[in-house]
Amino acid sequence: MALKIAFQMDPIDAVDIDADSSFRIAEEAQARGHSLFYYTPDKLAYQEGRITARGWPLTVRRQRGDHFTLGDRAEVDLAEFDVVWLRQDPPFDMSYITTTHLLDRIHPETLVVNDPFWVRNYPEKLLVLDFPDLTPPTTVARDLATLKAFKARHGDIILKPLYGNGGAGVFRLTPEDRNLNSLHELFAVLNREPLIAQKFLPDVAAGDKRIILVDGEPVGAINRVPAEGETRSNMHVGGRPEKVEMTERDREICARIGPLLREKRQIFVGIDVIGGWLTEINVTSPTGIQELERFDGLNIAEKIWQAIEAKRG
């Protein structure tokens, strides 16, 4: 059954066709006979009871420098589509949150992936708080005294924006570091959001494991190893992907969180595990499926579409 698919995503001309998960999902959809439409989040609108988007019919191909073709620009009613992909990258700011409110108005008659209500309520660094026994010691606070007390208890910590992404603004503060006050002042200038602090996990030197779950079931993992002299393992900042196997602990974590992800209709999820500890549950715009396909030959995009097609059948 051919489906009408819309992609709400960042500008397609800038994607890396060898790494971008949205591109791989679109490529697989096209191969399965589905039609594609593409628009950027700023072109989503509410118009007198209708949820509309201004964008283009889309064709993709795996050709570097010439990886897409757009049809004639059009305004569409998203209620007339079978599936809408919520795929723009964070930061998870009010602009992002507003798109989830608008897409709520067509879901589930039009299947929005992932379910926008729970994307809004379960962003990556907050959903993990439901599983404190699986995570390293964590605090979420705006208050400097609370953050200082956390650092005094644990000594070596990671401090990062609660709603950031891609490793931006992530700092390691060792027991000797005296920059917590200054960093707190810096973040206070940027926004009014809390910060999240976690006990530093030395095992990150061996890699930060990204495990992909489809409809609550783990389907594979890659390891992301930090560059020399770097704490962050994100591939945006030079982390190196490598082949890795899932451990018994990884499967235990997935067994605990999988039912909740399935219940909340989070079809495509990427979790981060360091040294057997769960650090993030990425539901907004997870990545990693192309690397996993190269290392293990697993077509995760196919598994994602099989899950979606079953829900639309």
C-alpha atoms as a PDB file:
ATOM      1  CA  MET A   1       0.000   0.000   0.000  1.00  0.00           C
ATOM      2  CA  ALA A   2       1.525   3.318  -1.097  1.00  0.00           C
ATOM      3  CA  LEU A   3       1.470   5.963   1.627  1.00  0.00           C
ATOM      4  CA  LYS A   4       1.627   9.756   1.467  1.00  0.00           C
ATOM      5  CA  ILE A   5       4.581  10.785   3.644  1.00  0.00           C
ATOM      6  CA  ALA A   6       5.562  14.278   4.793  1.00  0.00           C
ATOM      7  CA  PHE A   7       8.945  15.076   6.337  1.00  0.00           C
ATOM      8  CA  GLN A   8       9.240  18.016   8.719  1.00  0.00           C
ATOM      9  CA  MET A   9      13.001  18.432   8.895  1.00  0.00           C
ATOM     10  CA  ASP A  10      15.930  20.805   8.679  1.00  0.00           C
ATOM     11  CA  PRO A  11      17.031  21.987   5.198  1.00  0.00           C
ATOM     12  CA  ILE A  12      17.606  18.920   3.060  1.00  0.00           C
ATOM     13  CA  ASP A  13      20.390  20.496   1.005  1.00  0.00           C
ATOM     14  CA  ALA A  14      22.673  20.425   4.080  1.00  0.00           C
ATOM     15  CA  VAL A  15      22.260  16.747   5.030  1.00  0.00           C
ATOM     16  CA  ASP A  16      25.143  14.276   4.871  1.00  0.00           C
ATOM     17  CA  ILE A  17      23.701  11.458   2.769  1.00  0.00           C
ATOM     18  CA  ASP A  18      26.144   8.955   4.317  1.00  0.00           C
ATOM     19  CA  ALA A  19      25.115   9.709   7.903  1.00  0.00           C
ATOM     20  CA  ASP A  20      21.734  11.420   8.061  1.00  0.00           C
ATOM     21  CA  SER A  21      18.950   9.183   9.385  1.00  0.00           C
ATOM     22  CA  SER A  22      16.148  11.289   7.871  1.00  0.00           C
ATOM     23  CA  PHE A  23      17.671  10.861   4.409  1.00  0.00           C
ATOM     24  CA  ARG A  24      17.950   7.095   4.883  1.00  0.00           C
ATOM     25  CA  ILE A  25      14.323   6.871   6.093  1.00  0.00           C
ATOM     26  CA  ALA A  26      13.153   8.903   3.080  1.00  0.00           C
ATOM     27  CA  GLU A  27      15.241   6.761   0.727  1.00  0.00           C
ATOM     28  CA  GLU A  28      13.699   3.568   2.089  1.00  0.00           C
ATOM     29  CA  ALA A  29      10.176   5.025   1.919  1.00  0.00           C
ATOM     30  CA  GLN A  30      10.686   5.916  -1.728  1.00  0.00           C
ATOM     31  CA  ALA A  31      12.005   2.425  -2.484  1.00  0.00           C
ATOM     32  CA  ARG A  32       8.831   1.000  -0.929  1.00  0.00           C
ATOM     33  CA  GLY A  33       6.640   3.026  -3.304  1.00  0.00           C
ATOM     34  CA  HIS A  34       5.586   5.783  -0.904  1.00  0.00           C
ATOM     35  CA  SER A  35       5.340   9.403  -2.090  1.00  0.00           C
ATOM     36  CA  LEU A  36       7.372  12.066  -0.284  1.00  0.00           C
ATOM     37  CA  PHE A  37       6.718  15.695   0.635  1.00  0.00           C
ATOM     38  CA  TYR A  38       9.246  17.893   2.426  1.00  0.00           C
ATOM     39  CA  TYR A  39       8.975  21.114   4.411  1.00  0.00           C
ATOM     40  CA  THR A  40      10.943  22.940   7.094  1.00  0.00           C
ATOM     41  CA  PRO A  41       9.439  23.589  10.559  1.00  0.00           C
ATOM     42  CA  ASP A  42       8.964  27.310   9.941  1.00  0.00           C
ATOM     43  CA  LYS A  43       6.514  26.460   7.127  1.00  0.00           C
ATOM     44  CA  LEU A  44       4.126  24.576   9.432  1.00  0.00           C
ATOM     45  CA  ALA A  45       0.944  26.536  10.241  1.00  0.00           C
ATOM     46  CA  TYR A  46      -2.518  26.458  11.770  1.00  0.00           C
ATOM     47  CA  GLN A  47      -5.039  28.046   9.392  1.00  0.00           C
ATOM     48  CA  GLU A  48      -8.659  28.267  10.511  1.00  0.00           C
ATOM     49  CA  GLY A  49      -8.859  24.704  11.750  1.00  0.00           C
ATOM     50  CA  ARG A  50      -6.406  23.152   9.282  1.00  0.00           C
ATOM     51  CA  ILE A  51      -2.770  22.183   9.874  1.00  0.00           C
ATOM     52  CA  THR A  52      -0.893  23.147   6.736  1.00  0.00           C
ATOM     53  CA  ALA A  53       2.653  23.195   5.446  1.00  0.00           C
ATOM     54  CA  ARG A  54       4.320  24.944   2.514  1.00  0.00           C
ATOM     55  CA  GLY A  55       6.871  22.713   0.883  1.00  0.00           C
ATOM     56  CA  TRP A  56       7.698  20.510  -2.072  1.00  0.00           C
ATOM     57  CA  PRO A  57       7.176  17.007  -3.449  1.00  0.00           C
ATOM     58  CA  LEU A  58      10.516  15.265  -2.906  1.00  0.00           C
ATOM     59  CA  THR A  59      12.624  12.700  -4.722  1.00  0.00           C
ATOM     60  CA  VAL A  60      15.889  11.483  -3.139  1.00  0.00           C
ATOM     61  CA  ARG A  61      18.874   9.588  -4.521  1.00  0.00           C
ATOM     62  CA  ARG A  62      22.222   8.497  -3.144  1.00  0.00           C
ATOM     63  CA  GLN A  63      24.352  10.834  -5.210  1.00  0.00           C
ATOM     64  CA  ARG A  64      26.619  13.215  -3.324  1.00  0.00           C
ATOM     65  CA  GLY A  65      26.076  16.816  -4.377  1.00  0.00           C
ATOM     66  CA  ASP A  66      22.861  15.928  -6.217  1.00  0.00           C
ATOM     67  CA  HIS A  67      20.888  13.967  -3.640  1.00  0.00           C
ATOM     68  CA  PHE A  68      17.389  15.385  -4.083  1.00  0.00           C
ATOM     69  CA  THR A  69      14.931  16.950  -6.492  1.00  0.00           C
ATOM     70  CA  LEU A  70      12.016  19.146  -5.477  1.00  0.00           C
ATOM     71  CA  GLY A  71       8.741  19.445  -7.348  1.00  0.00           C
ATOM     72  CA  ASP A  72       6.614  22.569  -7.548  1.00  0.00           C
ATOM     73  CA  ARG A  73       6.151  24.370  -4.275  1.00  0.00           C
ATOM     74  CA  ALA A  74       2.709  23.762  -2.768  1.00  0.00           C
ATOM     75  CA  GLU A  75       0.653  24.331   0.346  1.00  0.00           C
ATOM     76  CA  VAL A  76      -0.776  21.066   1.669  1.00  0.00           C
ATOM     77  CA  ASP A  77      -3.236  20.015   4.358  1.00  0.00           C
ATOM     78  CA  LEU A  78      -1.288  17.557   6.533  1.00  0.00           C
ATOM     79  CA  ALA A  79      -4.509  15.808   7.577  1.00  0.00           C
ATOM     80  CA  GLU A  80      -4.565  14.396   4.050  1.00  0.00           C
ATOM     81  CA  PHE A  81      -1.255  12.551   4.612  1.00  0.00           C
ATOM     82  CA  ASP A  82      -0.824   9.061   6.033  1.00  0.00           C
ATOM     83  CA  VAL A  83       2.386   9.809   7.952  1.00  0.00           C
ATOM     84  CA  VAL A  84       4.221  12.943   9.071  1.00  0.00           C
ATOM     85  CA  TRP A  85       7.786  12.616  10.310  1.00  0.00           C
ATOM     86  CA  LEU A  86       8.810  14.999  13.106  1.00  0.00           C
ATOM     87  CA  ARG A  87      12.513  15.058  12.273  1.00  0.00           C
ATOM     88  CA  GLN A  88      14.006  18.488  12.878  1.00  0.00           C
ATOM     89  CA  ASP A  89      16.990  18.541  15.230  1.00  0.00           C
ATOM     90  CA  PRO A  90      16.805  20.141  18.660  1.00  0.00           C
ATOM     91  CA  PRO A  91      17.464  22.466  20.516  1.00  0.00           C
ATOM     92  CA  PHE A  92      14.189  21.670  22.180  1.00  0.00           C
ATOM     93  CA  ASP A  93      12.996  25.256  22.424  1.00  0.00           C
ATOM     94  CA  MET A  94       9.559  26.893  22.219  1.00  0.00           C
ATOM     95  CA  SER A  95       9.671  26.778  18.416  1.00  0.00           C
ATOM     96  CA  TYR A  96      10.157  23.009  18.555  1.00  0.00           C
ATOM     97  CA  ILE A  97       7.489  22.602  21.226  1.00  0.00           C
ATOM     98  CA  THR A  98       4.987  24.636  19.193  1.00  0.00           C
ATOM     99  CA  THR A  99       5.362  22.271  16.237  1.00  0.00           C
ATOM    100  CA  THR A 100       4.424  19.363  18.525  1.00  0.00           C
ATOM    101  CA  HIS A 101       1.269  21.203  19.632  1.00  0.00           C
ATOM    102  CA  LEU A 102       0.263  21.810  16.016  1.00  0.00           C
ATOM    103  CA  LEU A 103       0.974  18.244  14.896  1.00  0.00           C
ATOM    104  CA  ASP A 104      -1.029  16.965  17.868  1.00  0.00           C
ATOM    105  CA  ARG A 105      -4.102  18.266  16.039  1.00  0.00           C
ATOM    106  CA  ILE A 106      -3.785  15.739  13.205  1.00  0.00           C
ATOM    107  CA  HIS A 107      -2.431  12.763  15.157  1.00  0.00           C
ATOM    108  CA  PRO A 108      -3.264   9.858  15.268  1.00  0.00           C
ATOM    109  CA  GLU A 109      -5.571  10.008  12.208  1.00  0.00           C
ATOM    110  CA  THR A 110      -2.398  11.096  10.453  1.00  0.00           C
ATOM    111  CA  LEU A 111       0.362   9.088  12.140  1.00  0.00           C
ATOM    112  CA  VAL A 112       3.020  11.483  13.438  1.00  0.00           C
ATOM    113  CA  VAL A 113       6.354   9.779  14.138  1.00  0.00           C
ATOM    114  CA  ASN A 114       7.295  10.016  16.895  1.00  0.00           C
ATOM    115  CA  ASP A 115       4.032  10.800  18.736  1.00  0.00           C
ATOM    116  CA  PRO A 116       4.333  14.577  19.277  1.00  0.00           C
ATOM    117  CA  PHE A 117       2.557  14.611  22.650  1.00  0.00           C
ATOM    118  CA  TRP A 118       5.147  12.318  24.169  1.00  0.00           C
ATOM    119  CA  VAL A 119       8.066  13.894  22.306  1.00  0.00           C
ATOM    120  CA  ARG A 120       7.023  17.115  24.020  1.00  0.00           C
ATOM    121  CA  ASN A 121       6.657  15.488  27.436  1.00  0.00           C
ATOM    122  CA  TYR A 122       9.617  13.094  27.243  1.00  0.00           C
ATOM    123  CA  PRO A 123      12.592  14.957  25.734  1.00  0.00           C
ATOM    124  CA  GLU A 124      15.861  13.039  25.853  1.00  0.00           C
ATOM    125  CA  LYS A 125      17.376  14.199  29.127  1.00  0.00           C
ATOM    126  CA  LEU A 126      14.090  14.053  31.072  1.00  0.00           C
ATOM    127  CA  LEU A 127      12.655  10.637  30.234  1.00  0.00           C
ATOM    128  CA  VAL A 128      15.704   8.987  31.838  1.00  0.00           C
ATOM    129  CA  LEU A 129      14.581  10.437  35.181  1.00  0.00           C
ATOM    130  CA  ASP A 130      11.870   7.749  35.221  1.00  0.00           C
ATOM    131  CA  PHE A 131      14.628   5.125  35.576  1.00  0.00           C
ATOM    132  CA  PRO A 132      16.959   6.376  38.364  1.00  0.00           C
ATOM    133  CA  ASP A 133      18.340   2.886  39.059  1.00  0.00           C
ATOM    134  CA  LEU A 134      19.559   2.647  35.431  1.00  0.00           C
ATOM    135  CA  THR A 135      21.210   6.069  35.297  1.00  0.00           C
ATOM    136  CA  PRO A 136      24.282   7.648  36.883  1.00  0.00           C
ATOM    137  CA  PRO A 137      23.635  10.114  39.757  1.00  0.00           C
ATOM    138  CA  THR A 138      21.827  13.069  38.180  1.00  0.00           C
ATOM    139  CA  THR A 139      20.461  16.461  39.152  1.00  0.00           C
ATOM    140  CA  VAL A 140      18.360  18.946  37.163  1.00  0.00           C
ATOM    141  CA  ALA A 141      18.553  22.452  38.607  1.00  0.00           C
ATOM    142  CA  ARG A 142      18.819  26.144  37.870  1.00  0.00           C
ATOM    143  CA  ASP A 143      19.898  26.891  41.433  1.00  0.00           C
ATOM    144  CA  LEU A 144      23.675  27.303  41.781  1.00  0.00           C
ATOM    145  CA  ALA A 145      23.732  26.047  45.374  1.00  0.00           C
ATOM    146  CA  THR A 146      22.090  22.777  44.293  1.00  0.00           C
ATOM    147  CA  LEU A 147      24.617  22.300  41.489  1.00  0.00           C
ATOM    148  CA  LYS A 148      27.509  23.075  43.861  1.00  0.00           C
ATOM    149  CA  ALA A 149      26.226  20.521  46.363  1.00  0.00           C
ATOM    150  CA  PHE A 150      25.974  17.896  43.622  1.00  0.00           C
ATOM    151  CA  LYS A 151      29.561  18.590  42.545  1.00  0.00           C
ATOM    152  CA  ALA A 152      30.749  18.430  46.151  1.00  0.00           C
ATOM    153  CA  ARG A 153      29.160  14.968  46.517  1.00  0.00           C
ATOM    154  CA  HIS A 154      30.457  13.507  43.256  1.00  0.00           C
ATOM    155  CA  GLY A 155      33.620  15.511  42.488  1.00  0.00           C
ATOM    156  CA  ASP A 156      33.933  14.740  38.774  1.00  0.00           C
ATOM    157  CA  ILE A 157      30.774  15.729  36.874  1.00  0.00           C
ATOM    158  CA  ILE A 158      29.348  16.514  33.449  1.00  0.00           C
ATOM    159  CA  LEU A 159      27.348  19.745  33.126  1.00  0.00           C
ATOM    160  CA  LYS A 160      25.194  20.451  30.072  1.00  0.00           C
ATOM    161  CA  PRO A 161      22.114  22.342  28.877  1.00  0.00           C
ATOM    162  CA  LEU A 162      18.931  20.432  29.632  1.00  0.00           C
ATOM    163  CA  TYR A 163      17.536  20.987  26.127  1.00  0.00           C
ATOM    164  CA  GLY A 164      20.726  21.046  24.042  1.00  0.00           C
ATOM    165  CA  ASN A 165      21.895  18.565  21.425  1.00  0.00           C
ATOM    166  CA  GLY A 166      24.876  17.290  19.480  1.00  0.00           C
ATOM    167  CA  GLY A 167      27.291  17.727  22.377  1.00  0.00           C
ATOM    168  CA  ALA A 168      27.052  21.526  22.298  1.00  0.00           C
ATOM    169  CA  GLY A 169      27.684  23.201  25.644  1.00  0.00           C
ATOM    170  CA  VAL A 170      28.785  20.015  27.416  1.00  0.00           C
ATOM    171  CA  PHE A 171      31.464  20.534  30.081  1.00  0.00           C
ATOM    172  CA  ARG A 172      33.399  18.159  32.293  1.00  0.00           C
ATOM    173  CA  LEU A 173      34.203  19.632  35.697  1.00  0.00           C
ATOM    174  CA  THR A 174      36.879  17.654  37.549  1.00  0.00           C
ATOM    175  CA  PRO A 175      37.319  17.878  41.350  1.00  0.00           C
ATOM    176  CA  GLU A 176      39.999  20.561  40.830  1.00  0.00           C
ATOM    177  CA  ASP A 177      37.917  22.632  38.404  1.00  0.00           C
ATOM    178  CA  ARG A 178      36.773  26.045  39.674  1.00  0.00           C
ATOM    179  CA  ASN A 179      34.579  27.101  36.747  1.00  0.00           C
ATOM    180  CA  LEU A 180      31.102  26.103  37.944  1.00  0.00           C
ATOM    181  CA  ASN A 181      30.202  29.655  38.999  1.00  0.00           C
ATOM    182  CA  SER A 182      31.376  31.118  35.698  1.00  0.00           C
ATOM    183  CA  LEU A 183      29.576  28.490  33.632  1.00  0.00           C
ATOM    184  CA  HIS A 184      26.388  29.069  35.593  1.00  0.00           C
ATOM    185  CA  GLU A 185      26.678  32.804  34.851  1.00  0.00           C
ATOM    186  CA  LEU A 186      27.282  32.081  31.164  1.00  0.00           C
ATOM    187  CA  PHE A 187      24.239  29.828  30.831  1.00  0.00           C
ATOM    188  CA  ALA A 188      22.138  32.356  32.780  1.00  0.00           C
ATOM    189  CA  VAL A 189      22.877  34.964  30.097  1.00  0.00           C
ATOM    190  CA  LEU A 190      21.766  32.600  27.329  1.00  0.00           C
ATOM    191  CA  ASN A 191      18.391  31.457  28.717  1.00  0.00           C
ATOM    192  CA  ARG A 192      16.334  30.702  31.817  1.00  0.00           C
ATOM    193  CA  GLU A 193      16.415  26.930  31.473  1.00  0.00           C
ATOM    194  CA  PRO A 194      17.764  24.509  34.081  1.00  0.00           C
ATOM    195  CA  LEU A 195      20.996  22.615  33.643  1.00  0.00           C
ATOM    196  CA  ILE A 196      21.531  18.896  34.010  1.00  0.00           C
ATOM    197  CA  ALA A 197      24.518  17.486  35.862  1.00  0.00           C
ATOM    198  CA  GLN A 198      25.584  13.847  35.969  1.00  0.00           C
ATOM    199  CA  LYS A 199      28.399  12.041  37.671  1.00  0.00           C
ATOM    200  CA  PHE A 200      31.253  11.639  35.177  1.00  0.00           C
ATOM    201  CA  LEU A 201      31.606   8.090  33.865  1.00  0.00           C
ATOM    202  CA  PRO A 202      35.265   7.272  33.057  1.00  0.00           C
ATOM    203  CA  ASP A 203      34.077   4.452  30.785  1.00  0.00           C
ATOM    204  CA  VAL A 204      33.189   7.102  28.195  1.00  0.00           C
ATOM    205  CA  ALA A 205      36.832   6.866  27.057  1.00  0.00           C
ATOM    206  CA  ALA A 206      35.941   3.429  25.663  1.00  0.00           C
ATOM    207  CA  GLY A 207      32.850   4.824  23.956  1.00  0.00           C
ATOM    208  CA  ASP A 208      29.271   5.982  24.295  1.00  0.00           C
ATOM    209  CA  LYS A 209      27.003   3.247  22.945  1.00  0.00           C
ATOM    210  CA  ARG A 210      24.018   4.275  20.798  1.00  0.00           C
ATOM    211  CA  ILE A 211      21.330   1.572  20.849  1.00  0.00           C
ATOM    212  CA  ILE A 212      18.474   1.829  18.354  1.00  0.00           C
ATOM    213  CA  LEU A 213      14.987   0.691  19.344  1.00  0.00           C
ATOM    214  CA  VAL A 214      12.112   0.291  16.872  1.00  0.00           C
ATOM    215  CA  ASP A 215       8.662   0.230  18.453  1.00  0.00           C
ATOM    216  CA  GLY A 216      10.248  -0.574  21.812  1.00  0.00           C
ATOM    217  CA  GLU A 217      12.487  -3.406  20.590  1.00  0.00           C
ATOM    218  CA  PRO A 218      16.314  -3.110  20.390  1.00  0.00           C
ATOM    219  CA  VAL A 219      17.566  -3.747  16.859  1.00  0.00           C
ATOM    220  CA  GLY A 220      21.282  -2.971  17.124  1.00  0.00           C
ATOM    221  CA  ALA A 221      24.002  -0.697  18.461  1.00  0.00           C
ATOM    222  CA  ILE A 222      27.050   1.292  17.464  1.00  0.00           C
ATOM    223  CA  ASN A 223      29.833   2.645  19.661  1.00  0.00           C
ATOM    224  CA  ARG A 224      30.900   6.297  19.480  1.00  0.00           C
ATOM    225  CA  VAL A 225      34.445   6.876  20.679  1.00  0.00           C
ATOM    226  CA  PRO A 226      35.558  10.390  21.690  1.00  0.00           C
ATOM    227  CA  ALA A 227      38.343  12.033  19.717  1.00  0.00           C
ATOM    228  CA  GLU A 228      41.737  12.361  21.404  1.00  0.00           C
ATOM    229  CA  GLY A 229      41.566  14.906  24.206  1.00  0.00           C
ATOM    230  CA  GLU A 230      37.757  15.159  23.993  1.00  0.00           C
ATOM    231  CA  THR A 231      35.140  14.116  26.566  1.00  0.00           C
ATOM    232  CA  ARG A 232      32.199  14.236  24.167  1.00  0.00           C
ATOM    233  CA  SER A 233      31.577  11.272  21.893  1.00  0.00           C
ATOM    234  CA  ASN A 234      28.936  12.857  19.630  1.00  0.00           C
ATOM    235  CA  MET A 235      29.740  12.391  15.954  1.00  0.00           C
ATOM    236  CA  HIS A 236      28.905  16.092  15.422  1.00  0.00           C
ATOM    237  CA  VAL A 237      32.086  16.919  17.375  1.00  0.00           C
ATOM    238  CA  GLY A 238      34.456  14.291  16.016  1.00  0.00           C
ATOM    239  CA  GLY A 239      33.351  11.095  17.745  1.00  0.00           C
ATOM    240  CA  ARG A 240      34.317   7.962  15.796  1.00  0.00           C
ATOM    241  CA  PRO A 241      31.638   5.319  15.172  1.00  0.00           C
ATOM    242  CA  GLU A 242      32.701   1.692  15.471  1.00  0.00           C
ATOM    243  CA  LYS A 243      31.115  -1.750  15.511  1.00  0.00           C
ATOM    244  CA  VAL A 244      29.953  -3.036  18.895  1.00  0.00           C
ATOM    245  CA  GLU A 245      27.823  -5.839  20.298  1.00  0.00           C
ATOM    246  CA  MET A 246      24.976  -5.408  22.748  1.00  0.00           C
ATOM    247  CA  THR A 247      25.661  -6.751  26.252  1.00  0.00           C
ATOM    248  CA  GLU A 248      23.337  -8.432  28.723  1.00  0.00           C
ATOM    249  CA  ARG A 249      23.181  -5.116  30.609  1.00  0.00           C
ATOM    250  CA  ASP A 250      22.167  -3.299  27.406  1.00  0.00           C
ATOM    251  CA  ARG A 251      19.340  -5.768  26.894  1.00  0.00           C
ATOM    252  CA  GLU A 252      18.249  -5.371  30.503  1.00  0.00           C
ATOM    253  CA  ILE A 253      18.008  -1.603  30.010  1.00  0.00           C
ATOM    254  CA  CYS A 254      16.030  -2.022  26.779  1.00  0.00           C
ATOM    255  CA  ALA A 255      13.682  -4.517  28.408  1.00  0.00           C
ATOM    256  CA  ARG A 256      12.928  -1.963  31.130  1.00  0.00           C
ATOM    257  CA  ILE A 257      12.287   1.038  28.891  1.00  0.00           C
ATOM    258  CA  GLY A 258      10.911  -0.694  25.777  1.00  0.00           C
ATOM    259  CA  PRO A 259       7.331  -1.173  27.008  1.00  0.00           C
ATOM    260  CA  LEU A 260       7.033   2.525  27.922  1.00  0.00           C
ATOM    261  CA  LEU A 261       8.360   3.603  24.518  1.00  0.00           C
ATOM    262  CA  ARG A 262       5.883   1.316  22.780  1.00  0.00           C
ATOM    263  CA  GLU A 263       2.995   2.518  24.972  1.00  0.00           C
ATOM    264  CA  LYS A 264       3.821   6.170  24.178  1.00  0.00           C
ATOM    265  CA  ARG A 265       4.160   5.427  20.434  1.00  0.00           C
ATOM    266  CA  GLN A 266       7.839   6.318  20.163  1.00  0.00           C
ATOM    267  CA  ILE A 267       8.625   4.253  17.073  1.00  0.00           C
ATOM    268  CA  PHE A 268      12.232   5.320  16.381  1.00  0.00           C
ATOM    269  CA  VAL A 269      14.374   5.882  19.482  1.00  0.00           C
ATOM    270  CA  GLY A 270      18.101   6.001  20.156  1.00  0.00           C
ATOM    271  CA  ILE A 271      19.376   5.534  23.698  1.00  0.00           C
ATOM    272  CA  ASP A 272      22.852   6.341  24.995  1.00  0.00           C
ATOM    273  CA  VAL A 273      24.631   3.914  27.330  1.00  0.00           C
ATOM    274  CA  ILE A 274      28.049   4.506  28.918  1.00  0.00           C
ATOM    275  CA  GLY A 275      29.650   1.728  30.939  1.00  0.00           C
ATOM    276  CA  GLY A 276      26.282   0.065  31.489  1.00  0.00           C
ATOM    277  CA  TRP A 277      24.528   3.273  32.563  1.00  0.00           C
ATOM    278  CA  LEU A 278      21.662   4.892  30.666  1.00  0.00           C
ATOM    279  CA  THR A 279      22.371   8.606  30.064  1.00  0.00           C
ATOM    280  CA  GLU A 280      19.813   9.724  27.434  1.00  0.00           C
ATOM    281  CA  ILE A 281      16.694   8.461  25.648  1.00  0.00           C
ATOM    282  CA  ASN A 282      16.594  10.305  22.318  1.00  0.00           C
ATOM    283  CA  VAL A 283      13.066  10.644  20.911  1.00  0.00           C
ATOM    284  CA  THR A 284      13.235  13.961  19.041  1.00  0.00           C
ATOM    285  CA  SER A 285      15.523  13.220  16.101  1.00  0.00           C
ATOM    286  CA  PRO A 286      17.688  10.150  16.803  1.00  0.00           C
ATOM    287  CA  THR A 287      20.557   9.196  14.522  1.00  0.00           C
ATOM    288  CA  GLY A 288      22.828   6.210  13.932  1.00  0.00           C
ATOM    289  CA  ILE A 289      20.951   3.952  11.518  1.00  0.00           C
ATOM    290  CA  GLN A 290      23.332   4.422   8.586  1.00  0.00           C
ATOM    291  CA  GLU A 291      26.390   3.587  10.685  1.00  0.00           C
ATOM    292  CA  LEU A 292      24.642   0.495  12.025  1.00  0.00           C
ATOM    293  CA  GLU A 293      23.738  -0.583   8.501  1.00  0.00           C
ATOM    294  CA  ARG A 294      27.366  -0.254   7.383  1.00  0.00           C
ATOM    295  CA  PHE A 295      28.780  -2.184  10.357  1.00  0.00           C
ATOM    296  CA  ASP A 296      26.185  -4.953  10.739  1.00  0.00           C
ATOM    297  CA  GLY A 297      24.301  -4.974   7.444  1.00  0.00           C
ATOM    298  CA  LEU A 298      21.040  -4.248   9.282  1.00  0.00           C
ATOM    299  CA  ASN A 299      18.476  -2.250   7.339  1.00  0.00           C
ATOM    300  CA  ILE A 300      16.979  -0.347  10.269  1.00  0.00           C
ATOM    301  CA  ALA A 301      15.038   1.970   7.946  1.00  0.00           C
ATOM    302  CA  GLU A 302      13.226  -1.114   6.621  1.00  0.00           C
ATOM    303  CA  LYS A 303      12.329  -2.196  10.173  1.00  0.00           C
ATOM    304  CA  ILE A 304      11.032   1.306  10.939  1.00  0.00           C
ATOM    305  CA  TRP A 305       8.816   1.311   7.855  1.00  0.00           C
ATOM    306  CA  GLN A 306       7.556  -2.181   8.581  1.00  0.00           C
ATOM    307  CA  ALA A 307       6.414  -0.952  12.010  1.00  0.00           C
ATOM    308  CA  ILE A 308       4.759   2.141  10.498  1.00  0.00           C
ATOM    309  CA  GLU A 309       3.066   0.211   7.681  1.00  0.00           C
ATOM    310  CA  ALA A 310       1.659  -2.246  10.211  1.00  0.00           C
ATOM    311  CA  LYS A 311       0.075   0.663  12.085  1.00  0.00           C
ATOM    312  CA  ARG A 312      -1.310   2.149   8.863  1.00  0.00           C
ATOM    313  CA  GLY A 313      -2.533  -1.140   7.420  1.00  0.00           C
END
